[in-house]
Amino acid sequence: MSDEEALEQYLLTQNVNYFNLLYDRYTNKVYSKCISMLKESELAEDATQEIFVKVLLSISKFSGKSKFSTWLYSVTYNYCIDIIRKEKRRSLYP
């Protein structure tokens, strides 16, 4: 089953097994991107979980103009950039 088919089935049925399929398929890739950007395993693990929660809550906003993996990568990148910005602010203003 393709990503788009799993996503479509999840949106139609709300059956969490379809979302779990996407989660299982991409969790390691999301974690790898997080660890490469954030440089801390614990922070990357937390970010990975939070990204998938965010994706689950906003999946209806996925327009389908790109592949699911592209959208997920974009969400991951933006989330990690937000964390980096917050960490920089925290270090500037302790």
N, C-alpha and C. Protein backbone atom coordinates (compact mmCIF):
# COMPACT_ATOMS: atom_id res chain seq x y z
N MET A 1 0.85 -1.17 0.00
CA MET A 1 0.00 0.00 0.00
C MET A 1 0.90 1.24 0.00
N SER A 2 0.59 2.17 -0.89
CA SER A 2 1.39 3.39 -0.96
C SER A 2 1.06 4.32 0.22
N ASP A 3 1.92 5.29 0.42
CA ASP A 3 1.68 6.27 1.48
C ASP A 3 0.36 7.00 1.26
N GLU A 4 0.13 7.39 0.03
CA GLU A 4 -1.08 8.15 -0.28
C GLU A 4 -2.33 7.29 -0.06
N GLU A 5 -2.26 6.01 -0.39
CA GLU A 5 -3.39 5.11 -0.15
C GLU A 5 -3.64 4.94 1.34
N ALA A 6 -2.58 4.76 2.11
CA ALA A 6 -2.73 4.63 3.56
C ALA A 6 -3.31 5.90 4.16
N LEU A 7 -2.84 7.03 3.69
CA LEU A 7 -3.35 8.32 4.17
C LEU A 7 -4.82 8.48 3.82
N GLU A 8 -5.17 8.16 2.60
CA GLU A 8 -6.57 8.26 2.16
C GLU A 8 -7.47 7.35 3.00
N GLN A 9 -7.02 6.12 3.24
CA GLN A 9 -7.81 5.19 4.05
C GLN A 9 -7.94 5.68 5.49
N TYR A 10 -6.88 6.26 6.02
CA TYR A 10 -6.96 6.80 7.38
C TYR A 10 -7.98 7.94 7.44
N LEU A 11 -7.94 8.83 6.46
CA LEU A 11 -8.86 9.96 6.45
C LEU A 11 -10.31 9.51 6.28
N LEU A 12 -10.51 8.46 5.50
CA LEU A 12 -11.87 7.95 5.27
C LEU A 12 -12.42 7.18 6.46
N THR A 13 -11.58 6.37 7.08
CA THR A 13 -12.06 5.44 8.11
C THR A 13 -11.68 5.82 9.53
N GLN A 14 -10.67 6.70 9.67
CA GLN A 14 -10.11 7.04 10.98
C GLN A 14 -9.55 5.80 11.70
N ASN A 15 -9.25 4.77 10.94
CA ASN A 15 -8.65 3.55 11.48
C ASN A 15 -7.17 3.82 11.73
N VAL A 16 -6.78 3.79 12.99
CA VAL A 16 -5.41 4.15 13.38
C VAL A 16 -4.37 3.22 12.78
N ASN A 17 -4.76 2.04 12.35
CA ASN A 17 -3.80 1.11 11.74
C ASN A 17 -3.17 1.70 10.47
N TYR A 18 -3.94 2.50 9.74
CA TYR A 18 -3.39 3.14 8.54
C TYR A 18 -2.36 4.20 8.90
N PHE A 19 -2.63 4.95 9.97
CA PHE A 19 -1.64 5.94 10.41
C PHE A 19 -0.42 5.22 10.97
N ASN A 20 -0.62 4.13 11.69
CA ASN A 20 0.51 3.36 12.23
C ASN A 20 1.42 2.85 11.12
N LEU A 21 0.82 2.51 9.98
CA LEU A 21 1.61 2.08 8.83
C LEU A 21 2.57 3.19 8.41
N LEU A 22 2.06 4.41 8.34
CA LEU A 22 2.91 5.55 7.98
C LEU A 22 3.94 5.83 9.07
N TYR A 23 3.51 5.73 10.31
CA TYR A 23 4.42 5.94 11.44
C TYR A 23 5.58 4.94 11.37
N ASP A 24 5.25 3.67 11.21
CA ASP A 24 6.29 2.63 11.14
C ASP A 24 7.23 2.85 9.96
N ARG A 25 6.68 3.33 8.88
CA ARG A 25 7.46 3.53 7.66
C ARG A 25 8.44 4.70 7.80
N TYR A 26 8.05 5.72 8.56
CA TYR A 26 8.82 6.96 8.57
C TYR A 26 9.46 7.34 9.90
N THR A 27 9.19 6.65 10.96
CA THR A 27 9.72 7.07 12.26
C THR A 27 11.25 7.13 12.28
N ASN A 28 11.92 6.17 11.68
CA ASN A 28 13.39 6.19 11.67
C ASN A 28 13.94 7.33 10.81
N LYS A 29 13.26 7.63 9.71
CA LYS A 29 13.71 8.73 8.85
C LYS A 29 13.52 10.07 9.54
N VAL A 30 12.39 10.24 10.22
CA VAL A 30 12.14 11.48 10.96
C VAL A 30 13.17 11.62 12.08
N TYR A 31 13.40 10.54 12.80
CA TYR A 31 14.39 10.58 13.89
C TYR A 31 15.77 10.93 13.34
N SER A 32 16.15 10.34 12.24
CA SER A 32 17.47 10.62 11.64
C SER A 32 17.60 12.09 11.27
N LYS A 33 16.56 12.66 10.71
CA LYS A 33 16.59 14.09 10.37
C LYS A 33 16.69 14.93 11.64
N CYS A 34 15.93 14.56 12.66
CA CYS A 34 15.96 15.30 13.93
C CYS A 34 17.33 15.23 14.57
N ILE A 35 17.93 14.07 14.61
CA ILE A 35 19.24 13.93 15.25
C ILE A 35 20.30 14.70 14.46
N SER A 36 20.18 14.72 13.15
CA SER A 36 21.16 15.46 12.34
C SER A 36 21.05 16.97 12.56
N MET A 37 19.86 17.44 12.85
CA MET A 37 19.67 18.87 13.06
C MET A 37 19.85 19.28 14.52
N LEU A 38 19.39 18.45 15.44
CA LEU A 38 19.36 18.84 16.85
C LEU A 38 20.58 18.39 17.63
N LYS A 39 21.27 17.37 17.14
CA LYS A 39 22.54 16.89 17.72
C LYS A 39 22.43 16.26 19.10
N GLU A 40 21.24 16.03 19.61
CA GLU A 40 21.05 15.39 20.91
C GLU A 40 19.99 14.30 20.77
N SER A 41 20.34 13.09 21.17
CA SER A 41 19.42 11.97 20.96
C SER A 41 18.12 12.12 21.73
N GLU A 42 18.19 12.57 22.98
CA GLU A 42 16.96 12.72 23.77
C GLU A 42 16.04 13.78 23.16
N LEU A 43 16.61 14.88 22.75
CA LEU A 43 15.84 15.95 22.12
C LEU A 43 15.25 15.46 20.79
N ALA A 44 16.02 14.68 20.04
CA ALA A 44 15.56 14.15 18.76
C ALA A 44 14.43 13.14 18.96
N GLU A 45 14.52 12.31 20.00
CA GLU A 45 13.45 11.35 20.29
C GLU A 45 12.16 12.08 20.64
N ASP A 46 12.26 13.10 21.50
CA ASP A 46 11.07 13.88 21.87
C ASP A 46 10.49 14.57 20.64
N ALA A 47 11.35 15.15 19.84
CA ALA A 47 10.89 15.85 18.63
C ALA A 47 10.19 14.89 17.68
N THR A 48 10.73 13.70 17.52
CA THR A 48 10.12 12.71 16.63
C THR A 48 8.70 12.40 17.07
N GLN A 49 8.51 12.16 18.35
CA GLN A 49 7.17 11.86 18.87
C GLN A 49 6.24 13.06 18.68
N GLU A 50 6.74 14.24 18.99
CA GLU A 50 5.91 15.44 18.88
C GLU A 50 5.55 15.74 17.43
N ILE A 51 6.45 15.45 16.51
CA ILE A 51 6.17 15.65 15.09
C ILE A 51 5.04 14.74 14.64
N PHE A 52 5.06 13.48 15.06
CA PHE A 52 3.99 12.58 14.64
C PHE A 52 2.66 12.94 15.28
N VAL A 53 2.68 13.47 16.49
CA VAL A 53 1.44 13.96 17.10
C VAL A 53 0.92 15.14 16.28
N LYS A 54 1.82 16.04 15.94
CA LYS A 54 1.45 17.21 15.14
C LYS A 54 0.89 16.78 13.79
N VAL A 55 1.53 15.82 13.15
CA VAL A 55 1.06 15.31 11.86
C VAL A 55 -0.32 14.69 12.01
N LEU A 56 -0.51 13.90 13.05
CA LEU A 56 -1.81 13.26 13.27
C LEU A 56 -2.91 14.31 13.45
N LEU A 57 -2.62 15.36 14.20
CA LEU A 57 -3.62 16.39 14.46
C LEU A 57 -3.88 17.30 13.26
N SER A 58 -2.91 17.39 12.37
CA SER A 58 -3.08 18.30 11.23
C SER A 58 -3.10 17.59 9.88
N ILE A 59 -3.31 16.29 9.90
CA ILE A 59 -3.24 15.51 8.67
C ILE A 59 -4.32 15.91 7.67
N SER A 60 -5.43 16.43 8.16
CA SER A 60 -6.49 16.87 7.25
C SER A 60 -6.06 18.09 6.44
N LYS A 61 -5.00 18.78 6.87
CA LYS A 61 -4.48 19.94 6.14
C LYS A 61 -3.57 19.54 4.98
N PHE A 62 -3.20 18.27 4.94
CA PHE A 62 -2.36 17.80 3.84
C PHE A 62 -3.16 17.91 2.54
N SER A 63 -2.65 18.71 1.62
CA SER A 63 -3.41 19.01 0.40
C SER A 63 -3.23 17.97 -0.70
N GLY A 64 -2.20 17.18 -0.61
CA GLY A 64 -1.96 16.19 -1.65
C GLY A 64 -1.24 16.74 -2.87
N LYS A 65 -0.79 18.00 -2.80
CA LYS A 65 -0.06 18.59 -3.92
C LYS A 65 1.35 18.02 -4.03
N SER A 66 1.82 17.43 -2.95
CA SER A 66 3.13 16.78 -2.94
C SER A 66 2.95 15.38 -2.36
N LYS A 67 4.03 14.62 -2.35
CA LYS A 67 3.96 13.31 -1.73
C LYS A 67 3.87 13.48 -0.22
N PHE A 68 3.32 12.49 0.46
CA PHE A 68 3.23 12.54 1.91
C PHE A 68 4.62 12.68 2.52
N SER A 69 5.58 11.96 1.98
CA SER A 69 6.94 12.01 2.54
C SER A 69 7.53 13.41 2.44
N THR A 70 7.23 14.13 1.38
CA THR A 70 7.71 15.50 1.22
C THR A 70 7.09 16.40 2.27
N TRP A 71 5.80 16.26 2.48
CA TRP A 71 5.09 17.05 3.50
C TRP A 71 5.63 16.73 4.89
N LEU A 72 5.82 15.45 5.18
CA LEU A 72 6.35 15.04 6.48
C LEU A 72 7.76 15.59 6.69
N TYR A 73 8.58 15.56 5.66
CA TYR A 73 9.93 16.13 5.75
C TYR A 73 9.85 17.62 6.07
N SER A 74 8.94 18.32 5.42
CA SER A 74 8.77 19.75 5.66
C SER A 74 8.33 20.03 7.10
N VAL A 75 7.39 19.26 7.60
CA VAL A 75 6.94 19.40 8.99
C VAL A 75 8.12 19.14 9.93
N THR A 76 8.88 18.10 9.65
CA THR A 76 10.04 17.75 10.47
C THR A 76 11.08 18.86 10.48
N TYR A 77 11.42 19.34 9.31
CA TYR A 77 12.42 20.40 9.20
C TYR A 77 11.97 21.65 9.96
N ASN A 78 10.75 22.08 9.73
CA ASN A 78 10.25 23.29 10.39
C ASN A 78 10.17 23.12 11.90
N TYR A 79 9.78 21.96 12.35
CA TYR A 79 9.70 21.71 13.79
C TYR A 79 11.10 21.79 14.42
N CYS A 80 12.07 21.19 13.78
CA CYS A 80 13.44 21.22 14.30
C CYS A 80 14.01 22.64 14.29
N ILE A 81 13.73 23.39 13.25
CA ILE A 81 14.18 24.78 13.19
C ILE A 81 13.56 25.57 14.34
N ASP A 82 12.30 25.35 14.64
CA ASP A 82 11.66 26.03 15.78
C ASP A 82 12.37 25.69 17.09
N ILE A 83 12.72 24.43 17.28
CA ILE A 83 13.43 24.03 18.50
C ILE A 83 14.79 24.72 18.57
N ILE A 84 15.51 24.75 17.46
CA ILE A 84 16.82 25.40 17.43
C ILE A 84 16.69 26.87 17.78
N ARG A 85 15.69 27.54 17.24
CA ARG A 85 15.47 28.96 17.55
C ARG A 85 15.17 29.16 19.03
N LYS A 86 14.33 28.30 19.58
CA LYS A 86 14.00 28.41 21.00
C LYS A 86 15.24 28.19 21.87
N GLU A 87 16.06 27.22 21.49
CA GLU A 87 17.29 26.95 22.24
C GLU A 87 18.25 28.14 22.17
N LYS A 88 18.35 28.77 21.01
CA LYS A 88 19.22 29.94 20.87
C LYS A 88 18.71 31.09 21.75
N ARG A 89 17.40 31.32 21.73
CA ARG A 89 16.82 32.37 22.57
C ARG A 89 17.08 32.08 24.04
N ARG A 90 16.91 30.83 24.41
CA ARG A 90 17.11 30.43 25.80
C ARG A 90 18.56 30.67 26.23
N SER A 91 19.50 30.42 25.33
CA SER A 91 20.91 30.62 25.68
C SER A 91 21.28 32.11 25.69
N LEU A 92 20.58 32.92 24.90
CA LEU A 92 20.84 34.36 24.90
C LEU A 92 20.22 35.06 26.10
N TYR A 93 19.07 34.56 26.53
CA TYR A 93 18.34 35.17 27.65
C TYR A 93 18.04 34.12 28.71
N PRO A 94 19.06 33.72 29.47
CA PRO A 94 18.85 32.64 30.46
C PRO A 94 17.93 33.00 31.60
